[in-house]
N, C-alpha and C. Protein backbone atom coordinates (compact mmCIF):
# COMPACT_ATOMS: atom_id res chain seq x y z
N MET A 1 3.25 -23.78 -9.12
CA MET A 1 2.89 -22.39 -8.94
C MET A 1 2.77 -22.11 -7.44
N PRO A 2 3.41 -21.02 -6.95
CA PRO A 2 3.30 -20.68 -5.52
C PRO A 2 1.84 -20.42 -5.13
N ILE A 3 1.50 -20.75 -3.89
CA ILE A 3 0.11 -20.60 -3.44
C ILE A 3 -0.36 -19.17 -3.56
N ALA A 4 0.51 -18.18 -3.32
CA ALA A 4 0.11 -16.77 -3.43
C ALA A 4 -0.35 -16.46 -4.85
N ASP A 5 0.34 -16.99 -5.86
CA ASP A 5 -0.04 -16.76 -7.25
C ASP A 5 -1.37 -17.43 -7.57
N LEU A 6 -1.57 -18.63 -7.04
CA LEU A 6 -2.82 -19.35 -7.25
C LEU A 6 -3.99 -18.61 -6.62
N LEU A 7 -3.80 -18.18 -5.38
CA LEU A 7 -4.84 -17.42 -4.70
C LEU A 7 -5.16 -16.14 -5.46
N HIS A 8 -4.13 -15.45 -5.89
CA HIS A 8 -4.31 -14.18 -6.61
C HIS A 8 -5.13 -14.38 -7.88
N SER A 9 -4.78 -15.37 -8.67
CA SER A 9 -5.46 -15.54 -9.96
C SER A 9 -6.95 -15.84 -9.79
N SER A 10 -7.33 -16.55 -8.75
CA SER A 10 -8.74 -16.87 -8.57
C SER A 10 -9.49 -15.81 -7.78
N ALA A 11 -8.80 -14.90 -7.11
CA ALA A 11 -9.45 -13.92 -6.25
C ALA A 11 -9.64 -12.55 -6.90
N GLU A 12 -8.94 -12.26 -7.99
CA GLU A 12 -8.98 -10.92 -8.56
C GLU A 12 -10.39 -10.45 -8.89
N GLU A 13 -11.15 -11.24 -9.62
CA GLU A 13 -12.51 -10.82 -9.99
C GLU A 13 -13.42 -10.75 -8.77
N TYR A 14 -13.22 -11.66 -7.83
CA TYR A 14 -14.00 -11.63 -6.60
C TYR A 14 -13.79 -10.30 -5.87
N LEU A 15 -12.53 -9.91 -5.71
CA LEU A 15 -12.24 -8.65 -5.03
C LEU A 15 -12.78 -7.45 -5.82
N LYS A 16 -12.56 -7.45 -7.13
CA LYS A 16 -13.04 -6.34 -7.96
C LYS A 16 -14.55 -6.16 -7.83
N SER A 17 -15.26 -7.26 -7.70
CA SER A 17 -16.73 -7.17 -7.61
C SER A 17 -17.18 -6.55 -6.29
N HIS A 18 -16.27 -6.42 -5.33
CA HIS A 18 -16.60 -5.83 -4.03
C HIS A 18 -15.98 -4.44 -3.84
N ILE A 19 -15.41 -3.88 -4.89
CA ILE A 19 -14.86 -2.53 -4.81
C ILE A 19 -15.86 -1.59 -5.47
N ARG A 20 -16.26 -0.59 -4.73
CA ARG A 20 -17.28 0.36 -5.20
C ARG A 20 -16.59 1.51 -5.95
N THR A 21 -17.17 1.91 -7.08
CA THR A 21 -16.69 3.07 -7.82
C THR A 21 -17.60 4.25 -7.50
N VAL A 22 -17.00 5.33 -7.01
CA VAL A 22 -17.74 6.55 -6.69
C VAL A 22 -17.34 7.61 -7.71
N PRO A 23 -18.25 7.94 -8.65
CA PRO A 23 -17.90 8.91 -9.68
C PRO A 23 -17.78 10.33 -9.13
N ASP A 24 -16.84 11.08 -9.72
CA ASP A 24 -16.66 12.50 -9.42
C ASP A 24 -16.37 12.78 -7.95
N TRP A 25 -15.55 11.93 -7.34
CA TRP A 25 -15.14 12.16 -5.96
C TRP A 25 -13.64 11.92 -5.83
N PRO A 26 -12.89 12.79 -5.25
CA PRO A 26 -13.26 13.99 -4.52
C PRO A 26 -13.49 15.23 -5.40
N LYS A 27 -13.31 15.07 -6.71
CA LYS A 27 -13.60 16.18 -7.61
C LYS A 27 -14.08 15.63 -8.95
N PRO A 28 -14.72 16.46 -9.77
CA PRO A 28 -15.23 15.98 -11.06
C PRO A 28 -14.13 15.32 -11.92
N GLY A 29 -14.51 14.20 -12.54
CA GLY A 29 -13.60 13.49 -13.41
C GLY A 29 -12.86 12.34 -12.74
N ILE A 30 -12.84 12.32 -11.41
CA ILE A 30 -12.17 11.24 -10.68
C ILE A 30 -13.17 10.11 -10.43
N GLN A 31 -12.77 8.89 -10.75
CA GLN A 31 -13.56 7.70 -10.44
C GLN A 31 -12.91 7.05 -9.21
N PHE A 32 -13.40 7.37 -8.03
CA PHE A 32 -12.79 6.89 -6.78
C PHE A 32 -13.10 5.42 -6.57
N ARG A 33 -12.06 4.61 -6.37
CA ARG A 33 -12.23 3.18 -6.11
C ARG A 33 -12.24 2.96 -4.60
N ASP A 34 -13.41 2.70 -4.09
CA ASP A 34 -13.65 2.60 -2.65
C ASP A 34 -13.53 1.16 -2.18
N ILE A 35 -12.54 0.90 -1.32
CA ILE A 35 -12.30 -0.45 -0.83
C ILE A 35 -13.10 -0.79 0.42
N THR A 36 -13.84 0.17 0.98
CA THR A 36 -14.53 -0.12 2.24
C THR A 36 -15.50 -1.30 2.17
N PRO A 37 -16.15 -1.59 1.02
CA PRO A 37 -16.97 -2.81 0.99
C PRO A 37 -16.15 -4.09 1.20
N LEU A 38 -14.88 -4.08 0.80
CA LEU A 38 -14.01 -5.24 1.05
C LEU A 38 -13.80 -5.46 2.55
N LEU A 39 -13.75 -4.36 3.28
CA LEU A 39 -13.47 -4.43 4.71
C LEU A 39 -14.70 -4.78 5.54
N GLY A 40 -15.88 -4.54 4.99
CA GLY A 40 -17.11 -4.68 5.75
C GLY A 40 -17.69 -6.08 5.82
N THR A 41 -17.14 -7.00 5.06
CA THR A 41 -17.63 -8.37 5.05
C THR A 41 -16.49 -9.29 5.49
N PRO A 42 -16.72 -10.13 6.49
CA PRO A 42 -15.64 -10.99 6.97
C PRO A 42 -14.97 -11.81 5.88
N LYS A 43 -15.75 -12.37 4.96
CA LYS A 43 -15.18 -13.22 3.92
C LYS A 43 -14.26 -12.42 2.99
N THR A 44 -14.70 -11.26 2.53
CA THR A 44 -13.85 -10.48 1.62
C THR A 44 -12.62 -9.96 2.34
N LEU A 45 -12.77 -9.56 3.59
CA LEU A 45 -11.60 -9.11 4.35
C LEU A 45 -10.59 -10.23 4.52
N ARG A 46 -11.06 -11.44 4.79
CA ARG A 46 -10.17 -12.59 4.96
C ARG A 46 -9.44 -12.92 3.67
N VAL A 47 -10.17 -12.92 2.54
CA VAL A 47 -9.54 -13.19 1.25
C VAL A 47 -8.45 -12.16 0.98
N LEU A 48 -8.79 -10.90 1.20
CA LEU A 48 -7.85 -9.80 0.97
C LEU A 48 -6.58 -9.96 1.80
N ILE A 49 -6.74 -10.13 3.09
CA ILE A 49 -5.58 -10.25 3.98
C ILE A 49 -4.78 -11.51 3.68
N ASP A 50 -5.46 -12.62 3.42
CA ASP A 50 -4.75 -13.87 3.13
C ASP A 50 -3.86 -13.75 1.89
N LEU A 51 -4.29 -13.01 0.90
CA LEU A 51 -3.46 -12.83 -0.30
C LEU A 51 -2.13 -12.17 0.06
N PHE A 52 -2.17 -11.15 0.89
CA PHE A 52 -0.93 -10.49 1.31
C PHE A 52 -0.11 -11.38 2.25
N VAL A 53 -0.77 -12.05 3.18
CA VAL A 53 -0.06 -12.91 4.13
C VAL A 53 0.67 -14.03 3.40
N HIS A 54 0.00 -14.69 2.47
CA HIS A 54 0.66 -15.78 1.73
C HIS A 54 1.82 -15.25 0.89
N ARG A 55 1.69 -14.07 0.38
CA ARG A 55 2.77 -13.47 -0.43
C ARG A 55 4.02 -13.22 0.42
N TYR A 56 3.83 -12.77 1.66
CA TYR A 56 4.97 -12.31 2.46
C TYR A 56 5.37 -13.23 3.61
N MET A 57 4.72 -14.39 3.74
CA MET A 57 5.02 -15.23 4.90
C MET A 57 6.46 -15.77 4.91
N ASP A 58 7.11 -15.87 3.77
CA ASP A 58 8.50 -16.36 3.74
C ASP A 58 9.46 -15.29 3.25
N ALA A 59 9.10 -14.03 3.39
CA ALA A 59 9.90 -12.94 2.83
C ALA A 59 10.97 -12.39 3.77
N ASP A 60 11.12 -12.95 4.96
CA ASP A 60 12.15 -12.50 5.91
C ASP A 60 12.05 -11.00 6.16
N LEU A 61 10.86 -10.56 6.54
CA LEU A 61 10.61 -9.15 6.80
C LEU A 61 10.71 -8.85 8.29
N LYS A 62 10.96 -7.59 8.60
CA LYS A 62 10.95 -7.10 9.98
C LYS A 62 9.69 -6.27 10.24
N TYR A 63 9.24 -5.53 9.20
CA TYR A 63 8.10 -4.63 9.35
C TYR A 63 7.20 -4.63 8.12
N VAL A 64 5.95 -4.26 8.37
CA VAL A 64 5.03 -3.85 7.33
C VAL A 64 4.79 -2.37 7.58
N ALA A 65 4.96 -1.54 6.55
CA ALA A 65 4.67 -0.11 6.66
C ALA A 65 3.35 0.15 5.95
N GLY A 66 2.47 0.89 6.58
CA GLY A 66 1.18 1.23 6.01
C GLY A 66 1.10 2.70 5.72
N LEU A 67 0.61 3.05 4.52
CA LEU A 67 0.48 4.44 4.12
C LEU A 67 -0.87 5.00 4.58
N ASP A 68 -0.84 6.19 5.14
CA ASP A 68 -2.00 6.89 5.65
C ASP A 68 -3.04 7.07 4.55
N ALA A 69 -4.23 6.66 4.73
CA ALA A 69 -4.83 6.11 5.93
C ALA A 69 -5.28 4.66 5.71
N ARG A 70 -5.72 4.31 4.51
CA ARG A 70 -6.23 2.95 4.32
C ARG A 70 -5.13 1.90 4.37
N GLY A 71 -3.90 2.29 4.10
CA GLY A 71 -2.78 1.37 4.26
C GLY A 71 -2.57 0.96 5.70
N PHE A 72 -3.06 1.80 6.65
CA PHE A 72 -2.98 1.44 8.07
C PHE A 72 -3.85 0.23 8.36
N ILE A 73 -5.03 0.22 7.76
CA ILE A 73 -5.97 -0.87 8.00
C ILE A 73 -5.36 -2.18 7.54
N LEU A 74 -4.94 -2.20 6.29
CA LEU A 74 -4.35 -3.41 5.71
C LEU A 74 -3.05 -3.79 6.38
N GLY A 75 -2.16 -2.81 6.46
CA GLY A 75 -0.81 -3.07 6.96
C GLY A 75 -0.77 -3.60 8.37
N SER A 76 -1.59 -3.03 9.25
CA SER A 76 -1.57 -3.49 10.63
C SER A 76 -2.09 -4.93 10.76
N ILE A 77 -3.11 -5.27 9.99
CA ILE A 77 -3.62 -6.65 10.04
C ILE A 77 -2.59 -7.62 9.47
N VAL A 78 -1.98 -7.27 8.34
CA VAL A 78 -0.96 -8.13 7.73
C VAL A 78 0.23 -8.29 8.68
N ALA A 79 0.67 -7.19 9.30
CA ALA A 79 1.78 -7.26 10.25
C ALA A 79 1.43 -8.21 11.40
N TYR A 80 0.24 -8.08 11.94
CA TYR A 80 -0.20 -8.95 13.03
C TYR A 80 -0.18 -10.42 12.59
N GLU A 81 -0.76 -10.70 11.43
CA GLU A 81 -0.82 -12.08 10.94
C GLU A 81 0.57 -12.68 10.70
N LEU A 82 1.53 -11.84 10.32
CA LEU A 82 2.88 -12.31 10.04
C LEU A 82 3.81 -12.20 11.24
N ASN A 83 3.27 -11.73 12.37
CA ASN A 83 4.06 -11.52 13.59
C ASN A 83 5.22 -10.55 13.34
N LEU A 84 4.91 -9.43 12.69
CA LEU A 84 5.89 -8.39 12.39
C LEU A 84 5.49 -7.09 13.07
N GLY A 85 6.43 -6.17 13.11
CA GLY A 85 6.11 -4.82 13.58
C GLY A 85 5.40 -4.04 12.48
N PHE A 86 4.74 -2.96 12.88
CA PHE A 86 4.02 -2.10 11.94
C PHE A 86 4.55 -0.68 12.03
N ILE A 87 4.80 -0.07 10.86
CA ILE A 87 5.27 1.31 10.79
C ILE A 87 4.19 2.16 10.11
N PRO A 88 3.60 3.11 10.84
CA PRO A 88 2.66 4.02 10.18
C PRO A 88 3.41 5.14 9.45
N ILE A 89 3.08 5.34 8.20
CA ILE A 89 3.59 6.48 7.44
C ILE A 89 2.42 7.45 7.35
N ARG A 90 2.54 8.56 8.08
CA ARG A 90 1.41 9.46 8.31
C ARG A 90 1.49 10.73 7.48
N LYS A 91 0.34 11.36 7.32
CA LYS A 91 0.30 12.69 6.74
C LYS A 91 0.99 13.66 7.70
N LYS A 92 1.56 14.71 7.15
CA LYS A 92 2.33 15.68 7.93
C LYS A 92 1.53 16.21 9.13
N GLY A 93 2.23 16.29 10.26
CA GLY A 93 1.65 16.87 11.46
C GLY A 93 0.88 15.92 12.35
N LYS A 94 0.87 14.64 12.04
CA LYS A 94 0.08 13.68 12.81
C LYS A 94 0.89 12.86 13.81
N LEU A 95 2.21 12.90 13.70
CA LEU A 95 3.06 12.09 14.59
C LEU A 95 3.67 12.97 15.68
N PRO A 96 3.68 12.49 16.93
CA PRO A 96 4.08 13.33 18.05
C PRO A 96 5.58 13.41 18.33
N PHE A 97 6.39 12.57 17.73
CA PHE A 97 7.82 12.48 18.04
C PHE A 97 8.62 13.07 16.88
N SER A 98 9.91 13.04 16.98
CA SER A 98 10.81 13.52 15.93
C SER A 98 10.56 12.73 14.64
N THR A 99 10.46 13.44 13.50
CA THR A 99 10.11 12.78 12.24
C THR A 99 11.04 13.18 11.11
N VAL A 100 11.01 12.38 10.05
CA VAL A 100 11.55 12.75 8.74
C VAL A 100 10.35 12.80 7.81
N GLN A 101 10.43 13.64 6.77
CA GLN A 101 9.28 13.81 5.89
C GLN A 101 9.68 13.85 4.43
N ALA A 102 8.70 13.55 3.58
CA ALA A 102 8.89 13.58 2.13
C ALA A 102 7.65 14.21 1.50
N HIS A 103 7.88 15.08 0.54
CA HIS A 103 6.81 15.74 -0.20
C HIS A 103 6.61 14.98 -1.52
N TYR A 104 5.36 14.93 -2.02
CA TYR A 104 5.07 14.22 -3.26
C TYR A 104 3.83 14.78 -3.92
N GLU A 105 3.64 14.41 -5.18
CA GLU A 105 2.48 14.85 -5.95
C GLU A 105 1.44 13.74 -6.00
N LEU A 106 0.18 14.13 -5.92
CA LEU A 106 -0.97 13.23 -6.06
C LEU A 106 -1.63 13.47 -7.41
N GLU A 107 -2.63 12.64 -7.74
CA GLU A 107 -3.34 12.85 -8.99
C GLU A 107 -4.19 14.12 -8.95
N TYR A 108 -4.47 14.67 -7.76
CA TYR A 108 -5.27 15.89 -7.66
C TYR A 108 -4.72 16.83 -6.58
N GLY A 109 -3.39 16.97 -6.50
CA GLY A 109 -2.78 17.88 -5.54
C GLY A 109 -1.40 17.42 -5.12
N SER A 110 -0.97 17.85 -3.95
CA SER A 110 0.31 17.42 -3.40
C SER A 110 0.14 17.21 -1.90
N ALA A 111 1.10 16.51 -1.31
CA ALA A 111 1.03 16.20 0.12
C ALA A 111 2.42 15.92 0.66
N THR A 112 2.48 15.77 1.96
CA THR A 112 3.72 15.42 2.65
C THR A 112 3.40 14.30 3.63
N VAL A 113 4.27 13.29 3.67
CA VAL A 113 4.14 12.22 4.65
C VAL A 113 5.39 12.18 5.51
N GLU A 114 5.25 11.57 6.69
CA GLU A 114 6.39 11.48 7.60
C GLU A 114 6.32 10.22 8.44
N ILE A 115 7.48 9.86 8.98
CA ILE A 115 7.57 8.74 9.93
C ILE A 115 8.49 9.17 11.07
N HIS A 116 8.36 8.49 12.19
CA HIS A 116 9.24 8.75 13.32
C HIS A 116 10.68 8.37 12.96
N THR A 117 11.61 9.12 13.48
CA THR A 117 13.03 8.87 13.18
C THR A 117 13.52 7.54 13.73
N ASP A 118 12.80 6.96 14.67
CA ASP A 118 13.19 5.65 15.22
C ASP A 118 12.27 4.52 14.76
N ALA A 119 11.57 4.73 13.65
CA ALA A 119 10.60 3.74 13.16
C ALA A 119 11.25 2.42 12.76
N CYS A 120 12.48 2.48 12.26
CA CYS A 120 13.19 1.27 11.84
C CYS A 120 14.68 1.54 11.90
N ARG A 121 15.45 0.48 11.65
CA ARG A 121 16.91 0.60 11.72
C ARG A 121 17.54 0.16 10.40
N ARG A 122 18.79 0.50 10.26
CA ARG A 122 19.56 0.12 9.07
C ARG A 122 19.48 -1.39 8.86
N GLY A 123 19.12 -1.78 7.64
CA GLY A 123 19.06 -3.18 7.28
C GLY A 123 17.72 -3.86 7.51
N ASP A 124 16.81 -3.20 8.22
CA ASP A 124 15.49 -3.80 8.42
C ASP A 124 14.79 -3.95 7.07
N ARG A 125 14.18 -5.10 6.85
CA ARG A 125 13.46 -5.37 5.60
C ARG A 125 11.98 -5.06 5.79
N VAL A 126 11.45 -4.26 4.86
CA VAL A 126 10.10 -3.72 5.01
C VAL A 126 9.34 -3.89 3.70
N VAL A 127 8.03 -4.16 3.81
CA VAL A 127 7.12 -4.06 2.68
C VAL A 127 6.17 -2.90 2.99
N ILE A 128 5.83 -2.11 1.97
CA ILE A 128 4.90 -0.98 2.12
C ILE A 128 3.55 -1.39 1.52
N ILE A 129 2.48 -1.13 2.26
CA ILE A 129 1.13 -1.48 1.79
C ILE A 129 0.24 -0.24 1.76
N ASP A 130 -0.56 -0.15 0.69
CA ASP A 130 -1.57 0.90 0.58
C ASP A 130 -2.80 0.31 -0.10
N ASP A 131 -3.87 1.09 -0.19
CA ASP A 131 -5.09 0.58 -0.82
C ASP A 131 -4.99 0.61 -2.33
N LEU A 132 -4.40 1.68 -2.91
CA LEU A 132 -4.31 1.73 -4.37
C LEU A 132 -3.11 2.51 -4.85
N ILE A 133 -2.74 2.24 -6.09
CA ILE A 133 -1.66 2.96 -6.76
C ILE A 133 -2.28 3.82 -7.84
N ALA A 134 -2.11 5.13 -7.70
CA ALA A 134 -2.59 6.07 -8.72
C ALA A 134 -1.36 6.64 -9.44
N THR A 135 -0.81 7.73 -8.94
CA THR A 135 0.40 8.31 -9.56
C THR A 135 1.68 7.69 -9.02
N GLY A 136 1.58 6.95 -7.92
CA GLY A 136 2.74 6.32 -7.31
C GLY A 136 3.48 7.21 -6.33
N GLY A 137 3.07 8.46 -6.20
CA GLY A 137 3.78 9.41 -5.35
C GLY A 137 3.84 9.03 -3.89
N THR A 138 2.73 8.55 -3.34
CA THR A 138 2.70 8.20 -1.92
C THR A 138 3.62 7.02 -1.64
N MET A 139 3.56 5.99 -2.48
CA MET A 139 4.40 4.80 -2.30
C MET A 139 5.88 5.17 -2.39
N LEU A 140 6.24 5.98 -3.37
CA LEU A 140 7.65 6.35 -3.54
C LEU A 140 8.13 7.27 -2.41
N ALA A 141 7.25 8.13 -1.90
CA ALA A 141 7.62 8.97 -0.76
C ALA A 141 7.85 8.11 0.47
N GLY A 142 6.97 7.12 0.69
CA GLY A 142 7.16 6.21 1.81
C GLY A 142 8.47 5.44 1.70
N ARG A 143 8.78 5.01 0.51
CA ARG A 143 10.05 4.30 0.29
C ARG A 143 11.24 5.21 0.63
N ARG A 144 11.20 6.47 0.16
CA ARG A 144 12.30 7.41 0.46
C ARG A 144 12.50 7.56 1.96
N LEU A 145 11.40 7.68 2.70
CA LEU A 145 11.51 7.84 4.16
C LEU A 145 12.15 6.63 4.81
N LEU A 146 11.68 5.45 4.46
CA LEU A 146 12.23 4.23 5.05
C LEU A 146 13.70 4.06 4.70
N GLU A 147 14.04 4.33 3.45
CA GLU A 147 15.44 4.19 3.04
C GLU A 147 16.32 5.26 3.67
N GLU A 148 15.77 6.43 3.93
CA GLU A 148 16.52 7.47 4.63
C GLU A 148 16.94 7.00 6.02
N LEU A 149 16.10 6.17 6.64
CA LEU A 149 16.42 5.60 7.95
C LEU A 149 17.27 4.33 7.84
N GLY A 150 17.57 3.89 6.62
CA GLY A 150 18.44 2.74 6.42
C GLY A 150 17.74 1.43 6.14
N ALA A 151 16.43 1.42 6.10
CA ALA A 151 15.70 0.18 5.83
C ALA A 151 15.83 -0.22 4.37
N THR A 152 15.58 -1.49 4.11
CA THR A 152 15.50 -2.01 2.74
C THR A 152 14.03 -2.28 2.44
N VAL A 153 13.50 -1.57 1.48
CA VAL A 153 12.10 -1.77 1.09
C VAL A 153 12.11 -2.85 0.01
N VAL A 154 11.56 -4.02 0.34
CA VAL A 154 11.63 -5.16 -0.57
C VAL A 154 10.54 -5.13 -1.64
N GLU A 155 9.40 -4.49 -1.32
CA GLU A 155 8.31 -4.45 -2.29
C GLU A 155 7.26 -3.45 -1.82
N GLY A 156 6.53 -2.91 -2.79
CA GLY A 156 5.32 -2.16 -2.52
C GLY A 156 4.15 -3.05 -2.85
N ALA A 157 3.03 -2.86 -2.14
CA ALA A 157 1.85 -3.69 -2.37
C ALA A 157 0.60 -2.83 -2.22
N ALA A 158 -0.41 -3.18 -3.02
CA ALA A 158 -1.69 -2.47 -2.94
C ALA A 158 -2.80 -3.38 -3.44
N ILE A 159 -4.00 -3.05 -3.08
CA ILE A 159 -5.15 -3.80 -3.58
C ILE A 159 -5.37 -3.47 -5.05
N VAL A 160 -5.45 -2.17 -5.35
CA VAL A 160 -5.86 -1.70 -6.67
C VAL A 160 -4.71 -0.97 -7.37
N ASP A 161 -4.55 -1.25 -8.64
CA ASP A 161 -3.67 -0.48 -9.51
C ASP A 161 -4.54 0.27 -10.51
N LEU A 162 -4.28 1.55 -10.68
CA LEU A 162 -4.92 2.37 -11.71
C LEU A 162 -3.85 2.65 -12.77
N PRO A 163 -3.58 1.69 -13.66
CA PRO A 163 -2.43 1.79 -14.56
C PRO A 163 -2.48 2.99 -15.50
N ASP A 164 -3.67 3.49 -15.83
CA ASP A 164 -3.76 4.63 -16.74
C ASP A 164 -3.17 5.90 -16.14
N LEU A 165 -3.02 5.95 -14.81
CA LEU A 165 -2.41 7.11 -14.16
C LEU A 165 -0.89 7.02 -14.09
N GLY A 166 -0.33 5.88 -14.46
CA GLY A 166 1.11 5.73 -14.59
C GLY A 166 1.90 5.44 -13.33
N GLY A 167 1.23 5.33 -12.20
CA GLY A 167 1.95 5.12 -10.95
C GLY A 167 2.69 3.80 -10.85
N SER A 168 2.05 2.73 -11.28
CA SER A 168 2.72 1.42 -11.19
C SER A 168 3.95 1.38 -12.08
N ARG A 169 3.85 1.96 -13.26
CA ARG A 169 5.02 2.04 -14.15
C ARG A 169 6.13 2.87 -13.49
N ARG A 170 5.75 3.99 -12.93
CA ARG A 170 6.72 4.88 -12.27
C ARG A 170 7.41 4.18 -11.10
N ILE A 171 6.66 3.44 -10.31
CA ILE A 171 7.23 2.71 -9.17
C ILE A 171 8.21 1.66 -9.65
N ARG A 172 7.81 0.89 -10.65
CA ARG A 172 8.71 -0.16 -11.17
C ARG A 172 9.95 0.45 -11.82
N GLU A 173 9.78 1.55 -12.54
CA GLU A 173 10.94 2.21 -13.15
C GLU A 173 11.90 2.75 -12.10
N ALA A 174 11.39 3.06 -10.91
CA ALA A 174 12.23 3.52 -9.80
C ALA A 174 12.93 2.34 -9.11
N GLY A 175 12.66 1.12 -9.59
CA GLY A 175 13.34 -0.06 -9.05
C GLY A 175 12.65 -0.73 -7.89
N LEU A 176 11.42 -0.35 -7.59
CA LEU A 176 10.69 -0.99 -6.50
C LEU A 176 9.73 -2.02 -7.07
N PRO A 177 9.91 -3.29 -6.73
CA PRO A 177 8.93 -4.30 -7.16
C PRO A 177 7.55 -3.94 -6.60
N LEU A 178 6.51 -4.26 -7.35
CA LEU A 178 5.16 -3.89 -6.95
C LEU A 178 4.23 -5.08 -7.13
N TYR A 179 3.41 -5.33 -6.12
CA TYR A 179 2.42 -6.39 -6.13
C TYR A 179 1.04 -5.76 -5.93
N THR A 180 0.15 -5.96 -6.88
CA THR A 180 -1.23 -5.47 -6.74
C THR A 180 -2.19 -6.62 -7.01
N LEU A 181 -3.37 -6.53 -6.42
CA LEU A 181 -4.33 -7.61 -6.51
C LEU A 181 -5.27 -7.48 -7.70
N CYS A 182 -5.56 -6.26 -8.15
CA CYS A 182 -6.43 -6.06 -9.29
C CYS A 182 -6.19 -4.67 -9.87
N ASP A 183 -6.66 -4.47 -11.09
CA ASP A 183 -6.51 -3.16 -11.69
C ASP A 183 -7.82 -2.71 -12.33
N PHE A 184 -7.94 -1.40 -12.47
CA PHE A 184 -9.10 -0.78 -13.10
C PHE A 184 -8.59 0.18 -14.16
N SER A 185 -9.13 0.08 -15.36
CA SER A 185 -8.80 1.01 -16.42
C SER A 185 -9.46 2.35 -16.11
N GLY A 186 -8.88 3.42 -16.68
CA GLY A 186 -9.42 4.75 -16.42
C GLY A 186 -8.99 5.25 -15.07
N HIS A 187 -9.60 6.30 -14.64
CA HIS A 187 -9.30 6.84 -13.31
C HIS A 187 -10.49 7.58 -12.79
């Protein structure tokens, strides 16, 4: 069994026990899965990052792309640990240079993300990282942007999957492999 799989199987409950659920945020009926407790303790942060690093250390990647905003935290650390470049995929209006953008639907609204037109080149291999998968819209929008610039997105990755919202199924049906560390029923 690959070390990444071994680490994952023993770490899932540990990570889940450090994810806080905030009821009715940002609106009634939403059970927000807050990853900030994972980031606030050196041990949990190390376990979290090591799971991604071990997964991608032999993946022949050029970049890690992080989705605004919590994907920036994870993605930049993983990129550093793997000695790769980092691509921020930002909310509309946050990048100062020429951009391409993609619109998508969220579980409680819609949004637009963008990246710089020179963020990557044709053939660059990229993994996209975010904190969680809900409807899958953000991950798929990020993939569209990277592929528009010619990159090959090898996988999407997240800490949390909310399978009841259908995002992970939608991502996989779109042909993007997906790696998540834990899942929570409901939303």
